[in-house]
PDB file of N, CA and C in Angstrom:
ATOM      1  N   MET A   1      41.298 152.529  33.098  1.00  0.00           N
ATOM      2  CA  MET A   1      40.389 153.555  33.559  1.00  0.00           C
ATOM      3  C   MET A   1      38.993 152.940  33.744  1.00  0.00           C
ATOM      4  N   PRO A   2      38.233 153.441  34.706  1.00  0.00           N
ATOM      5  CA  PRO A   2      36.892 152.894  34.934  1.00  0.00           C
ATOM      6  C   PRO A   2      35.949 153.212  33.784  1.00  0.00           C
ATOM      7  N   PHE A   3      35.069 152.287  33.505  1.00  0.00           N
ATOM      8  CA  PHE A   3      34.029 152.430  32.492  1.00  0.00           C
ATOM      9  C   PHE A   3      34.593 152.632  31.088  1.00  0.00           C
ATOM     10  N   GLY A   4      35.838 152.310  30.848  1.00  0.00           N
ATOM     11  CA  GLY A   4      36.428 152.433  29.519  1.00  0.00           C
ATOM     12  C   GLY A   4      36.678 153.870  29.099  1.00  0.00           C
ATOM     13  N   ILE A   5      36.790 154.799  30.040  1.00  0.00           N
ATOM     14  CA  ILE A   5      37.036 156.206  29.709  1.00  0.00           C
ATOM     15  C   ILE A   5      38.545 156.413  29.606  1.00  0.00           C
ATOM     16  N   GLN A   6      38.976 156.933  28.481  1.00  0.00           N
ATOM     17  CA  GLN A   6      40.386 157.229  28.247  1.00  0.00           C
ATOM     18  C   GLN A   6      40.696 158.646  28.722  1.00  0.00           C
ATOM     19  N   PRO A   7      41.962 158.974  28.944  1.00  0.00           N
ATOM     20  CA  PRO A   7      42.309 160.339  29.377  1.00  0.00           C
ATOM     21  C   PRO A   7      41.855 161.417  28.390  1.00  0.00           C
ATOM     22  N   ILE A   8      41.863 161.114  27.114  1.00  0.00           N
ATOM     23  CA  ILE A   8      41.419 162.115  26.133  1.00  0.00           C
ATOM     24  C   ILE A   8      39.928 162.409  26.294  1.00  0.00           C
ATOM     25  N   HIS A   9      39.154 161.400  26.697  1.00  0.00           N
ATOM     26  CA  HIS A   9      37.723 161.613  26.932  1.00  0.00           C
ATOM     27  C   HIS A   9      37.497 162.551  28.112  1.00  0.00           C
ATOM     28  N   ILE A  10      38.289 162.395  29.146  1.00  0.00           N
ATOM     29  CA  ILE A  10      38.177 163.266  30.317  1.00  0.00           C
ATOM     30  C   ILE A  10      38.495 164.710  29.942  1.00  0.00           C
ATOM     31  N   VAL A  11      39.522 164.903  29.120  1.00  0.00           N
ATOM     32  CA  VAL A  11      39.893 166.249  28.681  1.00  0.00           C
ATOM     33  C   VAL A  11      38.744 166.868  27.874  1.00  0.00           C
ATOM     34  N   ILE A  12      38.136 166.094  27.003  1.00  0.00           N
ATOM     35  CA  ILE A  12      37.025 166.610  26.189  1.00  0.00           C
ATOM     36  C   ILE A  12      35.841 166.980  27.083  1.00  0.00           C
ATOM     37  N   ILE A  13      35.542 166.159  28.083  1.00  0.00           N
ATOM     38  CA  ILE A  13      34.442 166.457  29.002  1.00  0.00           C
ATOM     39  C   ILE A  13      34.714 167.746  29.768  1.00  0.00           C
ATOM     40  N   ILE A  14      35.954 167.948  30.205  1.00  0.00           N
ATOM     41  CA  ILE A  14      36.309 169.171  30.939  1.00  0.00           C
ATOM     42  C   ILE A  14      36.170 170.399  30.040  1.00  0.00           C
ATOM     43  N   ILE A  15      36.601 170.286  28.786  1.00  0.00           N
ATOM     44  CA  ILE A  15      36.488 171.420  27.856  1.00  0.00           C
ATOM     45  C   ILE A  15      35.027 171.757  27.602  1.00  0.00           C
ATOM     46  N   VAL A  16      34.180 170.745  27.381  1.00  0.00           N
ATOM     47  CA  VAL A  16      32.755 170.992  27.141  1.00  0.00           C
ATOM     48  C   VAL A  16      32.107 171.620  28.379  1.00  0.00           C
ATOM     49  N   ALA A  17      32.449 171.137  29.573  1.00  0.00           N
ATOM     50  CA  ALA A  17      31.897 171.707  30.803  1.00  0.00           C
ATOM     51  C   ALA A  17      32.342 173.155  30.963  1.00  0.00           C
ATOM     52  N   PHE A  18      33.596 173.452  30.614  1.00  0.00           N
ATOM     53  CA  PHE A  18      34.101 174.824  30.690  1.00  0.00           C
ATOM     54  C   PHE A  18      33.336 175.731  29.746  1.00  0.00           C
ATOM     55  N   LEU A  19      33.045 175.247  28.549  1.00  0.00           N
ATOM     56  CA  LEU A  19      32.310 176.054  27.575  1.00  0.00           C
ATOM     57  C   LEU A  19      30.850 176.256  27.992  1.00  0.00           C
ATOM     58  N   LEU A  20      30.237 175.244  28.580  1.00  0.00           N
ATOM     59  CA  LEU A  20      28.834 175.348  28.973  1.00  0.00           C
ATOM     60  C   LEU A  20      28.624 176.232  30.204  1.00  0.00           C
ATOM     61  N   PHE A  21      29.448 176.038  31.221  1.00  0.00           N
ATOM     62  CA  PHE A  21      29.201 176.699  32.498  1.00  0.00           C
ATOM     63  C   PHE A  21      30.088 177.911  32.747  1.00  0.00           C
ATOM     64  N   GLY A  22      31.205 178.005  32.096  1.00  0.00           N
ATOM     65  CA  GLY A  22      32.098 179.143  32.296  1.00  0.00           C
ATOM     66  C   GLY A  22      33.042 178.902  33.464  1.00  0.00           C
ATOM     67  N   ALA A  23      34.054 179.757  33.532  1.00  0.00           N
ATOM     68  CA  ALA A  23      35.109 179.600  34.532  1.00  0.00           C
ATOM     69  C   ALA A  23      34.637 179.918  35.945  1.00  0.00           C
ATOM     70  N   THR A  24      33.625 180.747  36.082  1.00  0.00           N
ATOM     71  CA  THR A  24      33.201 181.141  37.429  1.00  0.00           C
ATOM     72  C   THR A  24      32.295 180.097  38.085  1.00  0.00           C
ATOM     73  N   ARG A  25      31.524 179.372  37.291  1.00  0.00           N
ATOM     74  CA  ARG A  25      30.586 178.406  37.862  1.00  0.00           C
ATOM     75  C   ARG A  25      31.207 177.032  38.074  1.00  0.00           C
ATOM     76  N   LEU A  26      32.276 176.686  37.383  1.00  0.00           N
ATOM     77  CA  LEU A  26      32.869 175.347  37.521  1.00  0.00           C
ATOM     78  C   LEU A  26      33.333 175.035  38.942  1.00  0.00           C
ATOM     79  N   PRO A  27      34.008 175.942  39.646  1.00  0.00           N
ATOM     80  CA  PRO A  27      34.385 175.622  41.039  1.00  0.00           C
ATOM     81  C   PRO A  27      33.178 175.403  41.950  1.00  0.00           C
ATOM     82  N   GLU A  28      32.117 176.177  41.732  1.00  0.00           N
ATOM     83  CA  GLU A  28      30.903 175.999  42.534  1.00  0.00           C
ATOM     84  C   GLU A  28      30.273 174.629  42.279  1.00  0.00           C
ATOM     85  N   ILE A  29      30.214 174.264  41.023  1.00  0.00           N
ATOM     86  CA  ILE A  29      29.631 172.965  40.658  1.00  0.00           C
ATOM     87  C   ILE A  29      30.462 171.828  41.224  1.00  0.00           C
ATOM     88  N   GLY A  30      31.784 171.943  41.106  1.00  0.00           N
ATOM     89  CA  GLY A  30      32.664 170.901  41.648  1.00  0.00           C
ATOM     90  C   GLY A  30      32.541 170.779  43.155  1.00  0.00           C
ATOM     91  N   ARG A  31      32.448 171.928  43.835  1.00  0.00           N
ATOM     92  CA  ARG A  31      32.316 171.931  45.291  1.00  0.00           C
ATOM     93  C   ARG A  31      31.002 171.277  45.719  1.00  0.00           C
ATOM     94  N   SER A  32      29.907 171.635  45.046  1.00  0.00           N
ATOM     95  CA  SER A  32      28.610 171.048  45.417  1.00  0.00           C
ATOM     96  C   SER A  32      28.569 169.555  45.085  1.00  0.00           C
ATOM     97  N   LEU A  33      29.209 169.157  43.987  1.00  0.00           N
ATOM     98  CA  LEU A  33      29.271 167.729  43.657  1.00  0.00           C
ATOM     99  C   LEU A  33      30.074 166.963  44.702  1.00  0.00           C
ATOM    100  N   GLY A  34      31.181 167.528  45.147  1.00  0.00           N
ATOM    101  CA  GLY A  34      31.993 166.897  46.187  1.00  0.00           C
ATOM    102  C   GLY A  34      31.246 166.772  47.512  1.00  0.00           C
ATOM    103  N   LYS A  35      30.512 167.822  47.885  1.00  0.00           N
ATOM    104  CA  LYS A  35      29.717 167.758  49.118  1.00  0.00           C
ATOM    105  C   LYS A  35      28.626 166.708  49.013  1.00  0.00           C
ATOM    106  N   SER A  36      27.994 166.610  47.843  1.00  0.00           N
ATOM    107  CA  SER A  36      26.937 165.607  47.646  1.00  0.00           C
ATOM    108  C   SER A  36      27.487 164.199  47.782  1.00  0.00           C
ATOM    109  N   ILE A  37      28.647 163.954  47.199  1.00  0.00           N
ATOM    110  CA  ILE A  37      29.252 162.621  47.274  1.00  0.00           C
ATOM    111  C   ILE A  37      29.646 162.293  48.711  1.00  0.00           C
ATOM    112  N   SER A  38      30.220 163.281  49.432  1.00  0.00           N
ATOM    113  CA  SER A  38      30.617 163.014  50.823  1.00  0.00           C
ATOM    114  C   SER A  38      29.400 162.780  51.717  1.00  0.00           C
ATOM    115  N   GLU A  39      28.307 163.506  51.487  1.00  0.00           N
ATOM    116  CA  GLU A  39      27.078 163.282  52.259  1.00  0.00           C
ATOM    117  C   GLU A  39      26.503 161.893  51.964  1.00  0.00           C
ATOM    118  N   PHE A  40      26.569 161.485  50.714  1.00  0.00           N
ATOM    119  CA  PHE A  40      26.074 160.155  50.346  1.00  0.00           C
ATOM    120  C   PHE A  40      26.899 159.073  51.038  1.00  0.00           C
ATOM    121  N   LYS A  41      28.224 159.228  51.035  1.00  0.00           N
ATOM    122  CA  LYS A  41      29.093 158.258  51.712  1.00  0.00           C
ATOM    123  C   LYS A  41      28.798 158.217  53.212  1.00  0.00           C
ATOM    124  N   LYS A  42      28.629 159.391  53.816  1.00  0.00           N
ATOM    125  CA  LYS A  42      28.345 159.454  55.251  1.00  0.00           C
ATOM    126  C   LYS A  42      27.009 158.783  55.569  1.00  0.00           C
ATOM    127  N   GLY A  43      26.004 159.015  54.732  1.00  0.00           N
ATOM    128  CA  GLY A  43      24.691 158.406  54.942  1.00  0.00           C
ATOM    129  C   GLY A  43      24.724 156.895  54.809  1.00  0.00           C
ATOM    130  N   THR A  44      25.444 156.385  53.804  1.00  0.00           N
ATOM    131  CA  THR A  44      25.527 154.929  53.654  1.00  0.00           C
ATOM    132  C   THR A  44      26.308 154.304  54.804  1.00  0.00           C
ATOM    133  N   LYS A  45      27.335 155.006  55.290  1.00  0.00           N
ATOM    134  CA  LYS A  45      28.102 154.482  56.424  1.00  0.00           C
ATOM    135  C   LYS A  45      27.235 154.418  57.680  1.00  0.00           C
ATOM    136  N   GLU A  46      26.432 155.474  57.918  1.00  0.00           N
ATOM    137  CA  GLU A  46      25.546 155.484  59.079  1.00  0.00           C
ATOM    138  C   GLU A  46      24.484 154.394  58.971  1.00  0.00           C
ATOM    139  N   ALA A  47      23.955 154.196  57.771  1.00  0.00           N
ATOM    140  CA  ALA A  47      22.945 153.151  57.587  1.00  0.00           C
ATOM    141  C   ALA A  47      23.552 151.767  57.823  1.00  0.00           C
ATOM    142  N   ALA A  48      24.772 151.551  57.342  1.00  0.00           N
ATOM    143  CA  ALA A  48      25.430 150.257  57.545  1.00  0.00           C
ATOM    144  C   ALA A  48      25.721 150.017  59.027  1.00  0.00           C
ATOM    145  N   GLU A  49      26.165 151.071  59.737  1.00  0.00           N
ATOM    146  CA  GLU A  49      26.436 150.929  61.172  1.00  0.00           C
ATOM    147  C   GLU A  49      25.149 150.640  61.940  1.00  0.00           C
ATOM    148  N   GLY A  50      24.065 151.306  61.575  1.00  0.00           N
ATOM    149  CA  GLY A  50      22.779 151.057  62.237  1.00  0.00           C
ATOM    150  C   GLY A  50      22.303 149.634  62.000  1.00  0.00           C
ATOM    151  N   PHE A  51      22.497 149.156  60.773  1.00  0.00           N
ATOM    152  CA  PHE A  51      22.118 147.778  60.456  1.00  0.00           C
ATOM    153  C   PHE A  51      22.952 146.791  61.261  1.00  0.00           C
ATOM    154  N   LYS A  52      24.250 147.040  61.356  1.00  0.00           N
ATOM    155  CA  LYS A  52      25.116 146.140  62.137  1.00  0.00           C
ATOM    156  C   LYS A  52      24.722 146.139  63.610  1.00  0.00           C
ATOM    157  N   GLU A  53      24.378 147.318  64.146  1.00  0.00           N
ATOM    158  CA  GLU A  53      23.952 147.395  65.547  1.00  0.00           C
ATOM    159  C   GLU A  53      22.688 146.578  65.776  1.00  0.00           C
ATOM    160  N   GLU A  54      21.726 146.687  64.864  1.00  0.00           N
ATOM    161  CA  GLU A  54      20.480 145.937  65.008  1.00  0.00           C
ATOM    162  C   GLU A  54      20.723 144.433  64.927  1.00  0.00           C
ATOM    163  N   VAL A  55      21.597 144.029  64.019  1.00  0.00           N
ATOM    164  CA  VAL A  55      21.879 142.602  63.865  1.00  0.00           C
ATOM    165  C   VAL A  55      22.579 142.066  65.107  1.00  0.00           C
ATOM    166  N   THR A  56      23.563 142.804  65.624  1.00  0.00           N
ATOM    167  CA  THR A  56      24.260 142.329  66.818  1.00  0.00           C
ATOM    168  C   THR A  56      23.359 142.398  68.043  1.00  0.00           C
ATOM    169  N   LYS A  57      22.471 143.393  68.098  1.00  0.00           N
ATOM    170  CA  LYS A  57      21.555 143.485  69.231  1.00  0.00           C
ATOM    171  C   LYS A  57      20.603 142.290  69.224  1.00  0.00           C
ATOM    172  N   ASN A  58      20.068 141.947  68.073  1.00  0.00           N
ATOM    173  CA  ASN A  58      19.151 140.814  67.979  1.00  0.00           C
ATOM    174  C   ASN A  58      19.880 139.490  68.142  1.00  0.00           C
ATOM    175  N   GLY A  59      21.122 139.408  67.713  1.00  0.00           N
ATOM    176  CA  GLY A  59      21.876 138.165  67.819  1.00  0.00           C
ATOM    177  C   GLY A  59      22.342 137.886  69.235  1.00  0.00           C
ATOM    178  N   SER A  60      22.641 138.934  70.029  1.00  0.00           N
ATOM    179  CA  SER A  60      23.147 138.720  71.377  1.00  0.00           C
ATOM    180  C   SER A  60      22.056 138.844  72.431  1.00  0.00           C
ATOM    181  N   GLY A  61      20.843 139.079  71.999  1.00  0.00           N
ATOM    182  CA  GLY A  61      19.728 139.218  72.933  1.00  0.00           C
ATOM    183  C   GLY A  61      19.338 137.883  73.520  1.00  0.00           C
ATOM    184  N   PRO A  62      18.210 137.841  74.200  1.00  0.00           N
ATOM    185  CA  PRO A  62      17.786 136.583  74.803  1.00  0.00           C
ATOM    186  C   PRO A  62      17.507 135.538  73.723  1.00  0.00           C
ATOM    187  N   ALA A  63      17.927 134.329  74.015  1.00  0.00           N
ATOM    188  CA  ALA A  63      17.757 133.238  73.058  1.00  0.00           C
ATOM    189  C   ALA A  63      16.286 132.833  72.997  1.00  0.00           C
ATOM    190  N   ALA A  64      15.948 132.181  71.900  1.00  0.00           N
ATOM    191  CA  ALA A  64      14.581 131.682  71.733  1.00  0.00           C
ATOM    192  C   ALA A  64      14.318 130.620  72.794  1.00  0.00           C
ATOM    193  N   PRO A  65      13.101 130.544  73.298  1.00  0.00           N
ATOM    194  CA  PRO A  65      12.810 129.551  74.333  1.00  0.00           C
ATOM    195  C   PRO A  65      12.973 128.137  73.787  1.00  0.00           C
ATOM    196  N   VAL A  66      13.555 127.306  74.627  1.00  0.00           N
ATOM    197  CA  VAL A  66      13.773 125.922  74.244  1.00  0.00           C
ATOM    198  C   VAL A  66      12.557 125.114  74.677  1.00  0.00           C
ATOM    199  N   VAL A  67      11.994 124.371  73.738  1.00  0.00           N
ATOM    200  CA  VAL A  67      10.838 123.550  74.024  1.00  0.00           C
ATOM    201  C   VAL A  67      11.338 122.211  74.552  1.00  0.00           C
ATOM    202  N   PRO A  68      10.929 121.825  75.765  1.00  0.00           N
ATOM    203  CA  PRO A  68      11.405 120.556  76.299  1.00  0.00           C
ATOM    204  C   PRO A  68      10.832 119.383  75.506  1.00  0.00           C
ATOM    205  N   ALA A  69      11.642 118.349  75.402  1.00  0.00           N
ATOM    206  CA  ALA A  69      11.199 117.151  74.689  1.00  0.00           C
ATOM    207  C   ALA A  69      10.143 116.433  75.517  1.00  0.00           C
ATOM    208  N   GLN A  70       9.169 115.864  74.825  1.00  0.00           N
ATOM    209  CA  GLN A  70       8.119 115.148  75.512  1.00  0.00           C
ATOM    210  C   GLN A  70       8.611 113.748  75.865  1.00  0.00           C
ATOM    211  N   VAL A  71       8.384 113.387  77.097  1.00  0.00           N
ATOM    212  CA  VAL A  71       8.776 112.068  77.558  1.00  0.00           C
ATOM    213  C   VAL A  71       7.595 111.133  77.339  1.00  0.00           C
ATOM    214  N   SER A  72       7.856 110.031  76.652  1.00  0.00           N
ATOM    215  CA  SER A  72       6.790 109.074  76.405  1.00  0.00           C
ATOM    216  C   SER A  72       7.343 107.669  76.596  1.00  0.00           C
ATOM    217  N   SER A  73       6.453 106.723  76.547  1.00  0.00           N
ATOM    218  CA  SER A  73       6.874 105.340  76.736  1.00  0.00           C
ATOM    219  C   SER A  73       7.682 104.883  75.522  1.00  0.00           C
ATOM    220  N   PRO A  74       8.554 103.886  75.668  1.00  0.00           N
ATOM    221  CA  PRO A  74       9.377 103.418  74.557  1.00  0.00           C
ATOM    222  C   PRO A  74       8.550 102.905  73.382  1.00  0.00           C
ATOM    223  N   ALA A  75       7.377 102.380  73.624  1.00  0.00           N
ATOM    224  CA  ALA A  75       6.566 101.844  72.544  1.00  0.00           C
ATOM    225  C   ALA A  75       6.041 102.971  71.653  1.00  0.00           C
ATOM    226  N   THR A  76       5.669 104.105  72.239  1.00  0.00           N
ATOM    227  CA  THR A  76       5.126 105.195  71.438  1.00  0.00           C
ATOM    228  C   THR A  76       6.206 106.115  70.900  1.00  0.00           C
ATOM    229  N   SER A  77       7.411 106.111  71.485  1.00  0.00           N
ATOM    230  CA  SER A  77       8.449 107.019  71.021  1.00  0.00           C
ATOM    231  C   SER A  77       8.931 106.640  69.623  1.00  0.00           C
ATOM    232  N   ALA A  78       8.979 105.378  69.288  1.00  0.00           N
ATOM    233  CA  ALA A  78       9.409 104.968  67.963  1.00  0.00           C
ATOM    234  C   ALA A  78       8.379 105.366  66.917  1.00  0.00           C
ATOM    235  N   GLU A  79       7.099 105.353  67.310  1.00  0.00           N
ATOM    236  CA  GLU A  79       6.052 105.719  66.366  1.00  0.00           C
ATOM    237  C   GLU A  79       5.974 107.223  66.165  1.00  0.00           C
ATOM    238  N   SER A  80       6.228 108.027  67.205  1.00  0.00           N
ATOM    239  CA  SER A  80       6.032 109.461  67.120  1.00  0.00           C
ATOM    240  C   SER A  80       7.288 110.227  66.730  1.00  0.00           C
ATOM    241  N   SER A  81       8.477 109.619  66.704  1.00  0.00           N
ATOM    242  CA  SER A  81       9.690 110.367  66.409  1.00  0.00           C
ATOM    243  C   SER A  81       9.723 110.930  64.993  1.00  0.00           C
ATOM    244  N   PRO A  82       9.270 110.230  63.933  1.00  0.00           N
ATOM    245  CA  PRO A  82       9.277 110.875  62.621  1.00  0.00           C
ATOM    246  C   PRO A  82       8.322 112.056  62.559  1.00  0.00           C
ATOM    247  N   ALA A  83       7.209 111.985  63.245  1.00  0.00           N
ATOM    248  CA  ALA A  83       6.253 113.086  63.222  1.00  0.00           C
ATOM    249  C   ALA A  83       6.804 114.284  63.987  1.00  0.00           C
ATOM    250  N   GLN A  84       7.501 114.040  65.101  1.00  0.00           N
ATOM    251  CA  GLN A  84       8.039 115.137  65.886  1.00  0.00           C
ATOM    252  C   GLN A  84       9.215 115.803  65.190  1.00  0.00           C
ATOM    253  N   ALA A  85       9.935 115.099  64.326  1.00  0.00           N
ATOM    254  CA  ALA A  85      11.101 115.675  63.672  1.00  0.00           C
ATOM    255  C   ALA A  85      10.720 116.874  62.815  1.00  0.00           C
ATOM    256  N   GLY A  86       9.551 116.895  62.228  1.00  0.00           N
ATOM    257  CA  GLY A  86       9.119 118.006  61.408  1.00  0.00           C
ATOM    258  C   GLY A  86       8.481 119.126  62.193  1.00  0.00           C
ATOM    259  N   HIS A  87       8.189 118.910  63.475  1.00  0.00           N
ATOM    260  CA  HIS A  87       7.490 119.907  64.267  1.00  0.00           C
ATOM    261  C   HIS A  87       8.421 120.822  65.050  1.00  0.00           C
ATOM    262  N   PHE A  88       9.598 120.359  65.447  1.00  0.00           N
ATOM    263  CA  PHE A  88      10.499 121.144  66.264  1.00  0.00           C
ATOM    264  C   PHE A  88      11.826 121.339  65.555  1.00  0.00           C
ATOM    265  N   CYS A  89      12.371 122.530  65.683  1.00  0.00           N
ATOM    266  CA  CYS A  89      13.653 122.860  65.065  1.00  0.00           C
ATOM    267  C   CYS A  89      14.779 122.187  65.838  1.00  0.00           C
ATOM    268  N   ILE A  90      15.741 121.615  65.105  1.00  0.00           N
ATOM    269  CA  ILE A  90      16.873 120.971  65.772  1.00  0.00           C
ATOM    270  C   ILE A  90      17.872 122.004  66.280  1.00  0.00           C
ATOM    271  N   GLN A  91      17.821 123.243  65.777  1.00  0.00           N
ATOM    272  CA  GLN A  91      18.740 124.288  66.195  1.00  0.00           C
ATOM    273  C   GLN A  91      18.256 125.018  67.442  1.00  0.00           C
ATOM    274  N   CYS A  92      17.026 125.533  67.392  1.00  0.00           N
ATOM    275  CA  CYS A  92      16.539 126.360  68.504  1.00  0.00           C
ATOM    276  C   CYS A  92      15.407 125.706  69.293  1.00  0.00           C
ATOM    277  N   GLY A  93      14.823 124.616  68.772  1.00  0.00           N
ATOM    278  CA  GLY A  93      13.779 123.905  69.484  1.00  0.00           C
ATOM    279  C   GLY A  93      12.395 124.516  69.348  1.00  0.00           C
ATOM    280  N   ALA A  94      12.236 125.501  68.480  1.00  0.00           N
ATOM    281  CA  ALA A  94      10.944 126.160  68.319  1.00  0.00           C
ATOM    282  C   ALA A  94       9.963 125.251  67.582  1.00  0.00           C
ATOM    283  N   PRO A  95       8.683 125.276  67.962  1.00  0.00           N
ATOM    284  CA  PRO A  95       7.687 124.463  67.259  1.00  0.00           C
ATOM    285  C   PRO A  95       7.390 125.056  65.881  1.00  0.00           C
ATOM    286  N   ASN A  96       7.149 124.185  64.909  1.00  0.00           N
ATOM    287  CA  ASN A  96       6.846 124.591  63.540  1.00  0.00           C
ATOM    288  C   ASN A  96       5.710 123.736  63.008  1.00  0.00           C
ATOM    289  N   PRO A  97       4.972 124.222  62.010  1.00  0.00           N
ATOM    290  CA  PRO A  97       3.907 123.408  61.422  1.00  0.00           C
ATOM    291  C   PRO A  97       4.503 122.189  60.709  1.00  0.00           C
ATOM    292  N   PRO A  98       3.735 121.111  60.581  1.00  0.00           N
ATOM    293  CA  PRO A  98       4.271 119.883  59.991  1.00  0.00           C
ATOM    294  C   PRO A  98       4.744 120.059  58.548  1.00  0.00           C
ATOM    295  N   GLU A  99       4.139 120.979  57.786  1.00  0.00           N
ATOM    296  CA  GLU A  99       4.511 121.126  56.380  1.00  0.00           C
ATOM    297  C   GLU A  99       5.677 122.098  56.174  1.00  0.00           C
ATOM    298  N   ALA A 100       6.208 122.694  57.249  1.00  0.00           N
ATOM    299  CA  ALA A 100       7.283 123.674  57.135  1.00  0.00           C
ATOM    300  C   ALA A 100       8.590 123.003  56.748  1.00  0.00           C
ATOM    301  N   ARG A 101       9.359 123.681  55.890  1.00  0.00           N
ATOM    302  CA  ARG A 101      10.680 123.195  55.492  1.00  0.00           C
ATOM    303  C   ARG A 101      11.783 123.890  56.265  1.00  0.00           C
ATOM    304  N   PHE A 102      11.511 125.137  56.711  1.00  0.00           N
ATOM    305  CA  PHE A 102      12.486 125.909  57.457  1.00  0.00           C
ATOM    306  C   PHE A 102      11.852 126.399  58.747  1.00  0.00           C
ATOM    307  N   CYS A 103      12.673 126.578  59.778  1.00  0.00           N
ATOM    308  CA  CYS A 103      12.202 127.040  61.080  1.00  0.00           C
ATOM    309  C   CYS A 103      11.712 128.478  60.970  1.00  0.00           C
ATOM    310  N   ALA A 104      10.567 128.754  61.562  1.00  0.00           N
ATOM    311  CA  ALA A 104      10.011 130.101  61.528  1.00  0.00           C
ATOM    312  C   ALA A 104      10.789 131.049  62.439  1.00  0.00           C
ATOM    313  N   SER A 105      11.502 130.541  63.444  1.00  0.00           N
ATOM    314  CA  SER A 105      12.227 131.397  64.377  1.00  0.00           C
ATOM    315  C   SER A 105      13.638 131.718  63.919  1.00  0.00           C
ATOM    316  N   CYS A 106      14.407 130.681  63.545  1.00  0.00           N
ATOM    317  CA  CYS A 106      15.815 130.912  63.232  1.00  0.00           C
ATOM    318  C   CYS A 106      16.160 130.681  61.772  1.00  0.00           C
ATOM    319  N   GLY A 107      15.283 130.088  60.972  1.00  0.00           N
ATOM    320  CA  GLY A 107      15.543 129.890  59.558  1.00  0.00           C
ATOM    321  C   GLY A 107      16.331 128.645  59.211  1.00  0.00           C
ATOM    322  N   THR A 108      16.608 127.802  60.192  1.00  0.00           N
ATOM    323  CA  THR A 108      17.345 126.577  59.951  1.00  0.00           C
ATOM    324  C   THR A 108      16.476 125.584  59.178  1.00  0.00           C
ATOM    325  N   LYS A 109      17.105 124.850  58.254  1.00  0.00           N
ATOM    326  CA  LYS A 109      16.367 123.876  57.486  1.00  0.00           C
ATOM    327  C   LYS A 109      15.956 122.737  58.428  1.00  0.00           C
ATOM    328  N   LEU A 110      14.678 122.393  58.363  1.00  0.00           N
ATOM    329  CA  LEU A 110      14.153 121.344  59.213  1.00  0.00           C
ATOM    330  C   LEU A 110      14.434 119.978  58.577  1.00  0.00           C
ATOM    331  N   PRO A 111      14.621 118.946  59.388  1.00  0.00           N
ATOM    332  CA  PRO A 111      14.834 117.609  58.814  1.00  0.00           C
ATOM    333  C   PRO A 111      13.584 117.123  58.088  1.00  0.00           C
ATOM    334  N   GLU A 112      13.819 116.383  57.021  1.00  0.00           N
ATOM    335  CA  GLU A 112      12.689 115.851  56.242  1.00  0.00           C
ATOM    336  C   GLU A 112      12.047 114.698  56.988  1.00  0.00           C
ATOM    337  N   LYS A 113      10.749 114.541  56.777  1.00  0.00           N
ATOM    338  CA  LYS A 113      10.015 113.481  57.441  1.00  0.00           C
ATOM    339  C   LYS A 113      10.360 112.146  56.782  1.00  0.00           C
ATOM    340  N   ILE A 114      10.447 111.136  57.601  1.00  0.00           N
ATOM    341  CA  ILE A 114      10.683 109.779  57.096  1.00  0.00           C
ATOM    342  C   ILE A 114       9.321 109.094  57.053  1.00  0.00           C
ATOM    343  N   THR A 115       8.919 108.691  55.866  1.00  0.00           N
ATOM    344  CA  THR A 115       7.609 108.034  55.758  1.00  0.00           C
ATOM    345  C   THR A 115       7.757 106.593  55.366  1.00  0.00           C
TER     346      THR A 115
END
């Protein structure tokens, strides 16, 4: 049984509720409790569906703009490649500050700088 409640405990709870509220009010209380639980379930289901719609809408929408790689001479490309690795995301290509560990656009972990 859930929460360690034995069948005898349930019987005792029903008897106490019968004594407190009487035979006429128990069906009303049970009905209102059932409606409250069903409304709560319906509300959580609607909230979950709305969240899923927003996530799929944002995921299938236009992709983040891709930043083109800078073309430079071979002599300067070897010097600037470690610095550029921390500035652009390898997943989406978005620019990021040099001290960033994760991409601000997509959340992908950025490669560590080689010093």
